[in-house]
């Protein structure tokens, strides 16, 4: 089983635990990206703890990986065009205390069985899921999560490349809910499982990692 890379700058909030590693995650230091054979990974989770200028300078590596059928799940507050088709992150005008997270596709494998209440509230406080949204997403994208205004927070794009791009508006859905005692704690496992499903689907559709 190929690992999934968790990409970030090596600081406390991006370090992996034994539990993470047992799930098939491995840490990929952002600045090692140019020296890494990305074919070794079933997916890349790009955290919000990155340097976008560096990613922009090396965006051809990400594009090549996607053209080879790879899967990238970006959780970054994007402000530069380093990932195909992903628009700049925008701060929501809705106050965090009033913003409602809506799962548009509750039967999607990532969100199946997840109660939206558990994403909206963490220990009784709102605002942990995302502060922002995407505007002008690719026309063919499938929107998975919005707020009450309909603004896209997470979408998936299977058409812009031979691979799969998941874009989340600045929320680490892997890390934030992993230790909660409610349905949201399943989000991280389901996220990893679906990244692998997408990778397998891409390969079965005739895209082979060269």
N, C-alpha and C. Protein backbone atom coordinates (compact mmCIF):
# COMPACT_ATOMS: atom_id res chain seq x y z
N UNK A 1 0.84 -1.19 0.00
CA UNK A 1 0.00 0.00 0.00
C UNK A 1 0.88 1.25 0.00
N UNK A 2 0.66 2.12 -0.99
CA UNK A 2 1.45 3.34 -1.05
C UNK A 2 1.03 4.30 0.06
N UNK A 3 1.99 5.00 0.65
CA UNK A 3 1.63 5.97 1.69
C UNK A 3 0.99 7.21 1.10
N UNK A 4 0.41 8.00 1.96
CA UNK A 4 -0.11 9.32 1.62
C UNK A 4 0.78 10.34 2.32
N UNK A 5 1.25 11.34 1.57
CA UNK A 5 2.17 12.33 2.13
C UNK A 5 1.39 13.49 2.74
N UNK A 6 1.82 13.87 3.93
CA UNK A 6 1.27 15.03 4.64
C UNK A 6 2.32 16.13 4.51
N UNK A 7 2.03 17.12 3.64
CA UNK A 7 3.04 18.09 3.23
C UNK A 7 2.94 19.37 4.06
N UNK A 8 4.05 19.80 4.62
CA UNK A 8 4.05 21.03 5.39
C UNK A 8 5.45 21.42 5.80
N UNK A 9 5.54 22.46 6.58
CA UNK A 9 6.80 22.88 7.18
C UNK A 9 6.90 22.19 8.53
N UNK A 10 8.05 21.70 8.84
CA UNK A 10 8.22 20.85 10.03
C UNK A 10 8.18 21.66 11.32
N UNK A 11 6.94 21.96 11.73
CA UNK A 11 6.74 22.61 13.02
C UNK A 11 5.75 21.76 13.81
N UNK A 12 5.56 22.09 15.04
CA UNK A 12 4.78 21.26 15.95
C UNK A 12 3.41 20.86 15.39
N UNK A 13 2.72 21.79 14.76
CA UNK A 13 1.34 21.54 14.35
C UNK A 13 1.24 20.65 13.11
N UNK A 14 2.35 20.36 12.48
CA UNK A 14 2.31 19.50 11.29
C UNK A 14 2.99 18.16 11.50
N UNK A 15 3.49 17.90 12.68
CA UNK A 15 4.19 16.65 12.93
C UNK A 15 3.21 15.50 13.13
N UNK A 16 3.60 14.35 12.65
CA UNK A 16 2.74 13.18 12.70
C UNK A 16 2.97 12.37 13.95
N UNK A 17 1.93 11.66 14.38
CA UNK A 17 2.00 10.78 15.53
C UNK A 17 2.11 9.33 15.06
N UNK A 18 2.30 8.43 15.99
CA UNK A 18 2.32 7.01 15.64
C UNK A 18 0.98 6.58 15.05
N UNK A 19 -0.10 7.15 15.56
CA UNK A 19 -1.43 6.85 15.02
C UNK A 19 -1.52 7.26 13.55
N UNK A 20 -1.01 8.45 13.23
CA UNK A 20 -1.01 8.91 11.85
C UNK A 20 -0.23 7.95 10.96
N UNK A 21 0.95 7.57 11.41
CA UNK A 21 1.79 6.69 10.61
C UNK A 21 1.16 5.32 10.43
N UNK A 22 0.44 4.86 11.46
CA UNK A 22 -0.22 3.56 11.35
C UNK A 22 -1.34 3.59 10.31
N UNK A 23 -1.83 4.79 10.00
CA UNK A 23 -2.88 4.96 8.99
C UNK A 23 -2.30 5.09 7.58
N UNK A 24 -1.00 5.04 7.46
CA UNK A 24 -0.37 5.14 6.16
C UNK A 24 0.06 6.53 5.76
N UNK A 25 0.09 7.45 6.71
CA UNK A 25 0.57 8.80 6.43
C UNK A 25 2.07 8.88 6.66
N UNK A 26 2.72 9.69 5.84
CA UNK A 26 4.13 9.98 6.05
C UNK A 26 4.35 11.47 5.87
N UNK A 27 5.23 12.06 6.65
CA UNK A 27 5.46 13.50 6.55
C UNK A 27 6.40 13.80 5.40
N UNK A 28 6.03 14.77 4.57
CA UNK A 28 6.89 15.24 3.48
C UNK A 28 7.20 16.71 3.73
N UNK A 29 8.44 16.96 4.09
CA UNK A 29 8.90 18.33 4.34
C UNK A 29 8.79 19.13 3.04
N UNK A 30 8.11 20.25 3.11
CA UNK A 30 7.81 21.05 1.92
C UNK A 30 9.05 21.26 1.04
N UNK A 31 10.17 21.60 1.66
CA UNK A 31 11.36 21.96 0.89
C UNK A 31 12.10 20.75 0.31
N UNK A 32 11.62 19.56 0.64
CA UNK A 32 12.15 18.35 0.00
C UNK A 32 11.37 17.98 -1.26
N UNK A 33 10.34 18.73 -1.56
CA UNK A 33 9.49 18.42 -2.70
C UNK A 33 10.26 18.25 -4.01
N UNK A 34 11.22 19.14 -4.34
CA UNK A 34 11.93 18.98 -5.62
C UNK A 34 12.81 17.74 -5.68
N UNK A 35 13.12 17.15 -4.54
CA UNK A 35 14.03 16.00 -4.51
C UNK A 35 13.29 14.70 -4.24
N UNK A 36 11.97 14.75 -4.33
CA UNK A 36 11.13 13.61 -3.97
C UNK A 36 10.44 13.03 -5.20
N UNK A 37 10.43 11.72 -5.28
CA UNK A 37 9.70 11.04 -6.35
C UNK A 37 8.25 10.89 -5.90
N UNK A 38 7.39 11.75 -6.39
CA UNK A 38 5.99 11.76 -5.94
C UNK A 38 5.23 10.52 -6.38
N UNK A 39 5.80 9.75 -7.31
CA UNK A 39 5.15 8.52 -7.72
C UNK A 39 5.02 7.52 -6.57
N UNK A 40 5.76 7.77 -5.49
CA UNK A 40 5.73 6.87 -4.34
C UNK A 40 4.45 7.03 -3.52
N UNK A 41 3.65 8.07 -3.79
CA UNK A 41 2.51 8.39 -2.94
C UNK A 41 1.17 8.22 -3.65
N UNK A 42 0.21 7.68 -2.93
CA UNK A 42 -1.16 7.58 -3.44
C UNK A 42 -1.87 8.92 -3.36
N UNK A 43 -1.37 9.82 -2.55
CA UNK A 43 -1.98 11.14 -2.42
C UNK A 43 -1.08 12.09 -1.68
N UNK A 44 -1.31 13.37 -1.89
CA UNK A 44 -0.62 14.43 -1.15
C UNK A 44 -1.66 15.26 -0.43
N UNK A 45 -1.51 15.39 0.88
CA UNK A 45 -2.33 16.33 1.64
C UNK A 45 -1.46 17.56 1.89
N UNK A 46 -1.82 18.68 1.30
CA UNK A 46 -1.02 19.90 1.44
C UNK A 46 -1.69 20.77 2.50
N UNK A 47 -1.00 20.94 3.60
CA UNK A 47 -1.57 21.63 4.76
C UNK A 47 -1.57 23.14 4.56
N UNK A 48 -2.08 23.84 5.55
CA UNK A 48 -2.06 25.30 5.51
C UNK A 48 -0.72 25.84 6.01
N UNK A 49 0.16 24.94 6.45
CA UNK A 49 1.47 25.34 6.96
C UNK A 49 2.51 25.13 5.87
N UNK A 50 2.42 25.96 4.83
CA UNK A 50 3.32 25.87 3.69
C UNK A 50 3.73 27.28 3.26
N UNK A 51 4.74 27.33 2.39
CA UNK A 51 5.14 28.59 1.78
C UNK A 51 4.65 28.56 0.33
N UNK A 52 3.66 29.37 0.03
CA UNK A 52 3.05 29.33 -1.29
C UNK A 52 4.01 29.75 -2.40
N UNK A 53 4.90 30.66 -2.13
CA UNK A 53 5.86 31.09 -3.16
C UNK A 53 6.70 29.89 -3.60
N UNK A 54 7.09 29.05 -2.67
CA UNK A 54 7.87 27.87 -2.99
C UNK A 54 7.03 26.89 -3.82
N UNK A 55 5.78 26.70 -3.44
CA UNK A 55 4.90 25.83 -4.20
C UNK A 55 4.69 26.36 -5.63
N UNK A 56 4.55 27.67 -5.75
CA UNK A 56 4.38 28.27 -7.07
C UNK A 56 5.62 28.03 -7.94
N UNK A 57 6.78 28.16 -7.34
CA UNK A 57 8.03 27.95 -8.09
C UNK A 57 8.17 26.51 -8.57
N UNK A 58 7.52 25.59 -7.86
CA UNK A 58 7.65 24.17 -8.20
C UNK A 58 6.31 23.55 -8.59
N UNK A 59 5.40 24.37 -9.10
CA UNK A 59 4.07 23.87 -9.41
C UNK A 59 4.08 22.82 -10.52
N UNK A 60 5.11 22.85 -11.38
CA UNK A 60 5.20 21.85 -12.45
C UNK A 60 5.31 20.44 -11.89
N UNK A 61 5.91 20.29 -10.71
CA UNK A 61 6.01 18.97 -10.08
C UNK A 61 4.64 18.46 -9.68
N UNK A 62 3.81 19.36 -9.15
CA UNK A 62 2.46 18.97 -8.76
C UNK A 62 1.62 18.65 -9.99
N UNK A 63 1.79 19.44 -11.04
CA UNK A 63 1.03 19.21 -12.26
C UNK A 63 1.41 17.88 -12.90
N UNK A 64 2.70 17.56 -12.89
CA UNK A 64 3.15 16.28 -13.43
C UNK A 64 2.56 15.12 -12.64
N UNK A 65 2.56 15.26 -11.32
CA UNK A 65 2.00 14.22 -10.46
C UNK A 65 0.51 14.01 -10.77
N UNK A 66 -0.22 15.09 -10.95
CA UNK A 66 -1.64 14.99 -11.28
C UNK A 66 -1.84 14.37 -12.66
N UNK A 67 -1.02 14.74 -13.62
CA UNK A 67 -1.16 14.17 -14.95
C UNK A 67 -0.88 12.67 -14.95
N UNK A 68 -0.15 12.20 -13.95
CA UNK A 68 0.13 10.78 -13.81
C UNK A 68 -0.93 10.07 -12.97
N UNK A 69 -2.01 10.76 -12.68
CA UNK A 69 -3.11 10.14 -11.95
C UNK A 69 -3.07 10.29 -10.45
N UNK A 70 -2.25 11.19 -9.95
CA UNK A 70 -2.15 11.39 -8.51
C UNK A 70 -3.34 12.14 -7.93
N UNK A 71 -3.38 12.20 -6.61
CA UNK A 71 -4.47 12.86 -5.89
C UNK A 71 -3.87 13.90 -4.96
N UNK A 72 -4.33 15.13 -5.07
CA UNK A 72 -3.89 16.20 -4.17
C UNK A 72 -5.09 16.74 -3.41
N UNK A 73 -4.96 16.78 -2.10
CA UNK A 73 -6.00 17.37 -1.25
C UNK A 73 -5.38 18.60 -0.59
N UNK A 74 -5.72 19.77 -1.10
CA UNK A 74 -5.18 21.02 -0.58
C UNK A 74 -6.09 21.57 0.52
N UNK A 75 -5.47 21.91 1.64
CA UNK A 75 -6.19 22.49 2.77
C UNK A 75 -5.69 23.91 3.05
N UNK A 76 -5.15 24.52 2.02
CA UNK A 76 -4.42 25.78 2.14
C UNK A 76 -5.30 26.99 1.84
N UNK A 77 -5.04 28.08 2.53
CA UNK A 77 -5.68 29.36 2.22
C UNK A 77 -4.94 29.95 1.02
N UNK A 78 -5.29 29.45 -0.16
CA UNK A 78 -4.55 29.73 -1.39
C UNK A 78 -4.59 31.21 -1.76
N UNK A 79 -3.41 31.76 -2.09
CA UNK A 79 -3.35 33.15 -2.57
C UNK A 79 -2.47 33.29 -3.80
N UNK A 80 -1.95 32.13 -4.30
CA UNK A 80 -1.14 32.12 -5.52
C UNK A 80 -1.55 30.92 -6.36
N UNK A 81 -1.39 30.99 -7.69
CA UNK A 81 -1.86 29.92 -8.58
C UNK A 81 -0.89 28.75 -8.71
N UNK A 82 -0.69 28.01 -7.63
CA UNK A 82 0.24 26.88 -7.67
C UNK A 82 -0.45 25.54 -7.87
N UNK A 83 -1.79 25.51 -7.82
CA UNK A 83 -2.53 24.27 -8.01
C UNK A 83 -3.60 24.49 -9.07
N UNK A 84 -3.62 23.63 -10.06
CA UNK A 84 -4.46 23.80 -11.26
C UNK A 84 -5.91 24.12 -10.91
N UNK A 85 -6.37 25.27 -11.40
CA UNK A 85 -7.78 25.63 -11.31
C UNK A 85 -8.26 26.13 -9.97
N UNK A 86 -7.43 26.09 -8.93
CA UNK A 86 -7.88 26.48 -7.59
C UNK A 86 -7.80 28.00 -7.45
N UNK A 87 -8.93 28.67 -7.22
CA UNK A 87 -8.92 30.13 -7.10
C UNK A 87 -8.41 30.57 -5.73
N UNK A 88 -8.18 31.85 -5.61
CA UNK A 88 -7.70 32.39 -4.34
C UNK A 88 -8.75 32.24 -3.24
N UNK A 89 -8.27 31.97 -2.05
CA UNK A 89 -9.09 31.90 -0.84
C UNK A 89 -9.62 33.29 -0.51
N UNK A 90 -10.86 33.35 -0.05
CA UNK A 90 -11.45 34.61 0.39
C UNK A 90 -12.01 34.45 1.80
N UNK A 91 -11.85 35.48 2.57
CA UNK A 91 -12.40 35.47 3.93
C UNK A 91 -13.91 35.68 3.87
N UNK A 92 -14.65 34.83 4.56
CA UNK A 92 -16.10 34.96 4.55
C UNK A 92 -16.54 36.22 5.30
N UNK A 93 -17.52 36.95 4.74
CA UNK A 93 -18.04 38.12 5.44
C UNK A 93 -18.99 37.74 6.58
N UNK A 94 -19.36 36.45 6.65
CA UNK A 94 -20.26 36.00 7.72
C UNK A 94 -19.44 35.78 8.98
N UNK A 95 -19.82 36.37 10.09
CA UNK A 95 -19.07 36.15 11.35
C UNK A 95 -19.00 34.66 11.69
N UNK A 96 -17.88 34.23 12.24
CA UNK A 96 -17.69 32.82 12.55
C UNK A 96 -18.81 32.27 13.43
N UNK A 97 -19.28 33.09 14.36
CA UNK A 97 -20.31 32.62 15.29
C UNK A 97 -21.65 32.39 14.61
N UNK A 98 -21.80 32.94 13.39
CA UNK A 98 -23.07 32.81 12.66
C UNK A 98 -22.96 31.89 11.44
N UNK A 99 -21.76 31.54 11.09
CA UNK A 99 -21.57 30.79 9.85
C UNK A 99 -21.95 29.32 10.03
N UNK A 100 -22.69 28.79 9.07
CA UNK A 100 -23.14 27.41 9.14
C UNK A 100 -22.50 26.58 8.04
N UNK A 101 -21.90 25.47 8.42
CA UNK A 101 -21.29 24.55 7.48
C UNK A 101 -22.36 23.56 7.01
N UNK A 102 -22.50 23.43 5.69
CA UNK A 102 -23.53 22.56 5.12
C UNK A 102 -22.86 21.50 4.25
N UNK A 103 -23.11 20.23 4.55
CA UNK A 103 -22.59 19.14 3.73
C UNK A 103 -23.55 18.95 2.56
N UNK A 104 -23.10 19.31 1.37
CA UNK A 104 -23.97 19.23 0.19
C UNK A 104 -24.20 17.80 -0.26
N UNK A 105 -23.21 16.95 -0.03
CA UNK A 105 -23.30 15.55 -0.46
C UNK A 105 -23.13 14.66 0.77
N UNK A 106 -24.18 14.52 1.60
CA UNK A 106 -24.02 13.77 2.86
C UNK A 106 -23.71 12.29 2.66
N UNK A 107 -23.95 11.76 1.45
CA UNK A 107 -23.63 10.36 1.19
C UNK A 107 -22.26 10.18 0.54
N UNK A 108 -21.55 11.29 0.35
CA UNK A 108 -20.20 11.18 -0.19
C UNK A 108 -19.34 10.40 0.80
N UNK A 109 -18.46 9.52 0.31
CA UNK A 109 -17.68 8.67 1.23
C UNK A 109 -16.87 9.43 2.28
N UNK A 110 -16.45 10.64 1.99
CA UNK A 110 -15.70 11.40 3.01
C UNK A 110 -16.62 11.83 4.15
N UNK A 111 -17.87 12.16 3.84
CA UNK A 111 -18.77 12.75 4.83
C UNK A 111 -19.90 11.82 5.27
N UNK A 112 -19.92 10.62 4.76
CA UNK A 112 -20.99 9.69 5.10
C UNK A 112 -20.99 9.42 6.61
N UNK A 113 -22.15 9.59 7.22
CA UNK A 113 -22.29 9.35 8.66
C UNK A 113 -21.82 10.50 9.53
N UNK A 114 -21.36 11.60 8.92
CA UNK A 114 -20.90 12.76 9.68
C UNK A 114 -22.07 13.71 9.90
N UNK A 115 -22.33 14.05 11.15
CA UNK A 115 -23.37 15.00 11.49
C UNK A 115 -22.83 16.41 11.31
N UNK A 116 -23.50 17.22 10.49
CA UNK A 116 -23.03 18.58 10.23
C UNK A 116 -22.90 19.39 11.52
N UNK A 117 -23.71 19.08 12.51
CA UNK A 117 -23.60 19.78 13.79
C UNK A 117 -22.20 19.62 14.38
N UNK A 118 -21.63 18.42 14.21
CA UNK A 118 -20.31 18.14 14.78
C UNK A 118 -19.19 18.87 14.05
N UNK A 119 -19.47 19.32 12.82
CA UNK A 119 -18.50 20.13 12.10
C UNK A 119 -18.67 21.61 12.43
N UNK A 120 -19.90 21.99 12.72
CA UNK A 120 -20.17 23.39 13.06
C UNK A 120 -19.70 23.75 14.46
N UNK A 121 -19.80 22.79 15.38
CA UNK A 121 -19.46 23.08 16.78
C UNK A 121 -18.37 22.14 17.28
N UNK A 122 -17.37 22.71 17.87
CA UNK A 122 -16.31 21.94 18.53
C UNK A 122 -16.25 22.39 19.98
N UNK A 123 -16.66 21.48 20.86
CA UNK A 123 -16.77 21.81 22.28
C UNK A 123 -17.63 23.05 22.49
N UNK A 124 -18.71 23.12 21.71
CA UNK A 124 -19.70 24.19 21.87
C UNK A 124 -19.35 25.50 21.18
N UNK A 125 -18.21 25.54 20.47
CA UNK A 125 -17.76 26.78 19.83
C UNK A 125 -17.77 26.60 18.31
N UNK A 126 -18.29 27.60 17.60
CA UNK A 126 -18.29 27.56 16.14
C UNK A 126 -17.00 28.12 15.57
N UNK A 127 -16.76 27.79 14.28
CA UNK A 127 -15.72 28.49 13.54
C UNK A 127 -14.45 27.72 13.28
N UNK A 128 -14.36 26.44 13.71
CA UNK A 128 -13.12 25.70 13.53
C UNK A 128 -13.00 25.12 12.12
N UNK A 129 -14.12 24.91 11.44
CA UNK A 129 -14.07 24.20 10.17
C UNK A 129 -13.38 25.02 9.08
N UNK A 130 -13.78 26.26 8.92
CA UNK A 130 -13.17 27.12 7.90
C UNK A 130 -13.58 28.56 8.12
N UNK A 131 -12.64 29.47 7.84
CA UNK A 131 -12.95 30.90 7.91
C UNK A 131 -13.29 31.48 6.55
N UNK A 132 -13.05 30.69 5.49
CA UNK A 132 -13.18 31.28 4.16
C UNK A 132 -13.92 30.41 3.16
N UNK A 133 -13.77 30.81 1.89
CA UNK A 133 -14.48 30.11 0.81
C UNK A 133 -13.74 30.34 -0.49
N UNK A 134 -14.20 29.65 -1.55
CA UNK A 134 -13.67 29.83 -2.90
C UNK A 134 -14.75 30.44 -3.78
N UNK A 135 -14.33 31.36 -4.63
CA UNK A 135 -15.21 31.93 -5.65
C UNK A 135 -14.65 31.51 -7.01
N UNK A 136 -15.52 31.42 -8.01
CA UNK A 136 -15.09 31.10 -9.37
C UNK A 136 -14.33 29.77 -9.46
N UNK A 137 -14.89 28.75 -8.85
CA UNK A 137 -14.28 27.43 -8.94
C UNK A 137 -14.51 26.86 -10.34
N UNK A 138 -13.77 25.85 -10.76
CA UNK A 138 -13.98 25.26 -12.09
C UNK A 138 -15.43 24.84 -12.30
N UNK A 139 -15.94 25.08 -13.50
CA UNK A 139 -17.35 24.82 -13.79
C UNK A 139 -17.72 23.35 -13.61
N UNK A 140 -16.78 22.46 -13.85
CA UNK A 140 -17.06 21.03 -13.76
C UNK A 140 -16.83 20.47 -12.36
N UNK A 141 -16.47 21.32 -11.41
CA UNK A 141 -16.16 20.85 -10.06
C UNK A 141 -17.42 20.38 -9.33
N UNK A 142 -17.24 19.40 -8.47
CA UNK A 142 -18.33 18.91 -7.61
C UNK A 142 -18.16 19.54 -6.22
N UNK A 143 -19.12 20.33 -5.81
CA UNK A 143 -19.04 21.00 -4.52
C UNK A 143 -19.53 20.05 -3.43
N UNK A 144 -18.72 19.86 -2.41
CA UNK A 144 -19.05 18.94 -1.32
C UNK A 144 -19.53 19.65 -0.07
N UNK A 145 -18.98 20.83 0.22
CA UNK A 145 -19.33 21.57 1.44
C UNK A 145 -19.46 23.05 1.10
N UNK A 146 -20.51 23.68 1.62
CA UNK A 146 -20.72 25.12 1.46
C UNK A 146 -21.05 25.73 2.82
N UNK A 147 -21.23 27.06 2.82
CA UNK A 147 -21.86 27.69 3.98
C UNK A 147 -23.31 28.03 3.60
N UNK A 148 -24.02 28.70 4.48
CA UNK A 148 -25.45 28.96 4.24
C UNK A 148 -25.70 29.91 3.08
N UNK A 149 -24.67 30.62 2.63
CA UNK A 149 -24.83 31.49 1.47
C UNK A 149 -24.59 30.76 0.16
N UNK A 150 -24.16 29.51 0.25
CA UNK A 150 -23.86 28.73 -0.95
C UNK A 150 -22.42 28.82 -1.38
N UNK A 151 -21.58 29.55 -0.64
CA UNK A 151 -20.17 29.69 -1.00
C UNK A 151 -19.45 28.35 -0.82
N UNK A 152 -18.64 27.99 -1.82
CA UNK A 152 -17.95 26.69 -1.81
C UNK A 152 -16.81 26.68 -0.80
N UNK A 153 -16.78 25.66 0.04
CA UNK A 153 -15.72 25.50 1.04
C UNK A 153 -14.83 24.31 0.69
N UNK A 154 -15.41 23.23 0.22
CA UNK A 154 -14.64 22.09 -0.28
C UNK A 154 -15.25 21.63 -1.60
N UNK A 155 -14.38 21.43 -2.60
CA UNK A 155 -14.86 20.89 -3.87
C UNK A 155 -13.84 19.88 -4.39
N UNK A 156 -14.29 19.08 -5.37
CA UNK A 156 -13.41 18.11 -6.01
C UNK A 156 -13.45 18.34 -7.52
N UNK A 157 -12.27 18.28 -8.14
CA UNK A 157 -12.12 18.51 -9.57
C UNK A 157 -11.42 17.30 -10.18
N UNK A 158 -12.16 16.56 -11.00
CA UNK A 158 -11.61 15.37 -11.65
C UNK A 158 -11.38 15.59 -13.15
N UNK A 159 -11.57 16.80 -13.63
CA UNK A 159 -11.55 17.05 -15.06
C UNK A 159 -10.38 17.91 -15.53
N UNK A 160 -9.81 18.72 -14.67
CA UNK A 160 -8.76 19.63 -15.11
C UNK A 160 -7.44 18.92 -15.41
N UNK A 161 -7.25 17.73 -14.81
CA UNK A 161 -6.04 16.94 -15.01
C UNK A 161 -6.43 15.47 -15.11
N UNK A 162 -5.45 14.61 -15.27
CA UNK A 162 -5.70 13.16 -15.23
C UNK A 162 -5.88 12.64 -13.82
N UNK A 163 -5.59 13.49 -12.85
CA UNK A 163 -5.72 13.11 -11.45
C UNK A 163 -6.94 13.72 -10.80
N UNK A 164 -6.88 13.86 -9.49
CA UNK A 164 -7.99 14.40 -8.71
C UNK A 164 -7.48 15.49 -7.79
N UNK A 165 -8.16 16.63 -7.82
CA UNK A 165 -7.84 17.75 -6.93
C UNK A 165 -9.01 17.95 -5.97
N UNK A 166 -8.74 17.83 -4.68
CA UNK A 166 -9.68 18.26 -3.65
C UNK A 166 -9.15 19.59 -3.12
N UNK A 167 -10.00 20.59 -3.05
CA UNK A 167 -9.60 21.89 -2.52
C UNK A 167 -10.49 22.27 -1.36
N UNK A 168 -9.87 22.51 -0.21
CA UNK A 168 -10.59 22.96 0.97
C UNK A 168 -10.12 24.34 1.35
N UNK A 169 -11.04 25.20 1.71
CA UNK A 169 -10.72 26.61 1.96
C UNK A 169 -10.12 26.81 3.35
N UNK A 170 -8.91 26.34 3.50
CA UNK A 170 -8.16 26.62 4.72
C UNK A 170 -8.60 25.87 5.94
N UNK A 171 -9.04 24.63 5.78
CA UNK A 171 -9.41 23.85 6.94
C UNK A 171 -8.71 22.51 6.91
N UNK A 172 -8.03 22.14 7.97
CA UNK A 172 -7.36 20.86 8.03
C UNK A 172 -8.36 19.83 8.56
N UNK A 173 -9.17 19.30 7.66
CA UNK A 173 -10.20 18.36 8.10
C UNK A 173 -9.59 17.04 8.57
N UNK A 174 -8.32 16.83 8.28
CA UNK A 174 -7.67 15.65 8.84
C UNK A 174 -7.35 15.87 10.32
N UNK A 175 -6.75 17.00 10.64
CA UNK A 175 -6.19 17.21 11.97
C UNK A 175 -7.19 17.72 13.01
N UNK A 176 -8.06 18.65 12.61
CA UNK A 176 -8.85 19.41 13.58
C UNK A 176 -9.79 18.53 14.40
N UNK A 177 -10.40 17.53 13.76
CA UNK A 177 -11.45 16.76 14.44
C UNK A 177 -11.00 15.36 14.87
N UNK A 178 -9.73 15.06 14.74
CA UNK A 178 -9.27 13.69 14.89
C UNK A 178 -9.50 13.11 16.29
N UNK A 179 -9.54 13.93 17.31
CA UNK A 179 -9.71 13.42 18.67
C UNK A 179 -11.07 13.78 19.29
N UNK A 180 -12.00 14.25 18.46
CA UNK A 180 -13.32 14.57 18.99
C UNK A 180 -14.10 13.30 19.34
N UNK A 181 -15.01 13.43 20.30
CA UNK A 181 -15.83 12.29 20.72
C UNK A 181 -17.21 12.36 20.11
N UNK A 182 -17.24 12.53 18.80
CA UNK A 182 -18.51 12.55 18.07
C UNK A 182 -18.24 12.09 16.64
N UNK A 183 -19.23 12.25 15.77
CA UNK A 183 -19.10 11.70 14.42
C UNK A 183 -17.95 12.32 13.63
N UNK A 184 -17.54 13.54 13.98
CA UNK A 184 -16.49 14.22 13.20
C UNK A 184 -15.15 13.51 13.28
N UNK A 185 -14.94 12.68 14.30
CA UNK A 185 -13.65 12.00 14.43
C UNK A 185 -13.43 10.97 13.33
N UNK A 186 -14.52 10.58 12.65
CA UNK A 186 -14.38 9.63 11.54
C UNK A 186 -13.93 10.31 10.25
N UNK A 187 -13.96 11.63 10.24
CA UNK A 187 -13.65 12.38 9.03
C UNK A 187 -12.24 12.09 8.53
N UNK A 188 -11.28 12.02 9.43
CA UNK A 188 -9.89 11.83 9.02
C UNK A 188 -9.68 10.47 8.36
N UNK A 189 -10.26 9.43 8.95
CA UNK A 189 -10.10 8.08 8.38
C UNK A 189 -10.79 8.00 7.03
N UNK A 190 -12.00 8.56 6.93
CA UNK A 190 -12.73 8.52 5.67
C UNK A 190 -12.04 9.34 4.58
N UNK A 191 -11.40 10.41 4.99
CA UNK A 191 -10.64 11.23 4.05
C UNK A 191 -9.50 10.43 3.44
N UNK A 192 -8.73 9.74 4.27
CA UNK A 192 -7.61 8.94 3.78
C UNK A 192 -8.09 7.80 2.89
N UNK A 193 -9.17 7.16 3.31
CA UNK A 193 -9.71 6.04 2.54
C UNK A 193 -10.14 6.49 1.15
N UNK A 194 -10.77 7.68 1.09
CA UNK A 194 -11.25 8.15 -0.20
C UNK A 194 -10.12 8.63 -1.10
N UNK A 195 -9.08 9.19 -0.52
CA UNK A 195 -7.91 9.54 -1.33
C UNK A 195 -7.38 8.29 -2.03
N UNK A 196 -7.31 7.18 -1.29
CA UNK A 196 -6.84 5.93 -1.88
C UNK A 196 -7.80 5.42 -2.95
N UNK A 197 -9.10 5.55 -2.70
CA UNK A 197 -10.08 5.14 -3.70
C UNK A 197 -9.92 5.94 -4.99
N UNK A 198 -9.70 7.24 -4.85
CA UNK A 198 -9.53 8.08 -6.03
C UNK A 198 -8.26 7.70 -6.79
N UNK A 199 -7.20 7.44 -6.05
CA UNK A 199 -5.94 7.04 -6.69
C UNK A 199 -6.15 5.75 -7.48
N UNK A 200 -6.79 4.76 -6.85
CA UNK A 200 -7.04 3.48 -7.52
C UNK A 200 -7.93 3.68 -8.75
N UNK A 201 -8.94 4.52 -8.62
CA UNK A 201 -9.85 4.78 -9.75
C UNK A 201 -9.09 5.41 -10.91
N UNK A 202 -8.23 6.36 -10.61
CA UNK A 202 -7.45 7.01 -11.67
C UNK A 202 -6.56 6.01 -12.40
N UNK A 203 -5.94 5.12 -11.63
CA UNK A 203 -5.06 4.13 -12.25
C UNK A 203 -5.85 3.13 -13.09
N UNK A 204 -7.01 2.73 -12.61
CA UNK A 204 -7.84 1.78 -13.36
C UNK A 204 -8.42 2.39 -14.64
N UNK A 205 -8.49 3.73 -14.64
CA UNK A 205 -8.97 4.41 -15.83
C UNK A 205 -7.89 4.55 -16.89
N UNK A 206 -6.76 3.93 -16.64
CA UNK A 206 -5.72 3.88 -17.67
C UNK A 206 -4.57 4.82 -17.47
N UNK A 207 -4.53 5.54 -16.35
CA UNK A 207 -3.41 6.43 -16.08
C UNK A 207 -2.43 5.67 -15.21
N UNK A 208 -1.24 5.51 -15.69
CA UNK A 208 -0.22 4.78 -14.95
C UNK A 208 0.90 5.71 -14.56
N UNK A 209 1.39 5.57 -13.34
CA UNK A 209 2.51 6.37 -12.89
C UNK A 209 3.76 5.92 -13.67
N UNK A 210 4.31 6.80 -14.46
CA UNK A 210 5.45 6.46 -15.31
C UNK A 210 6.75 6.48 -14.50
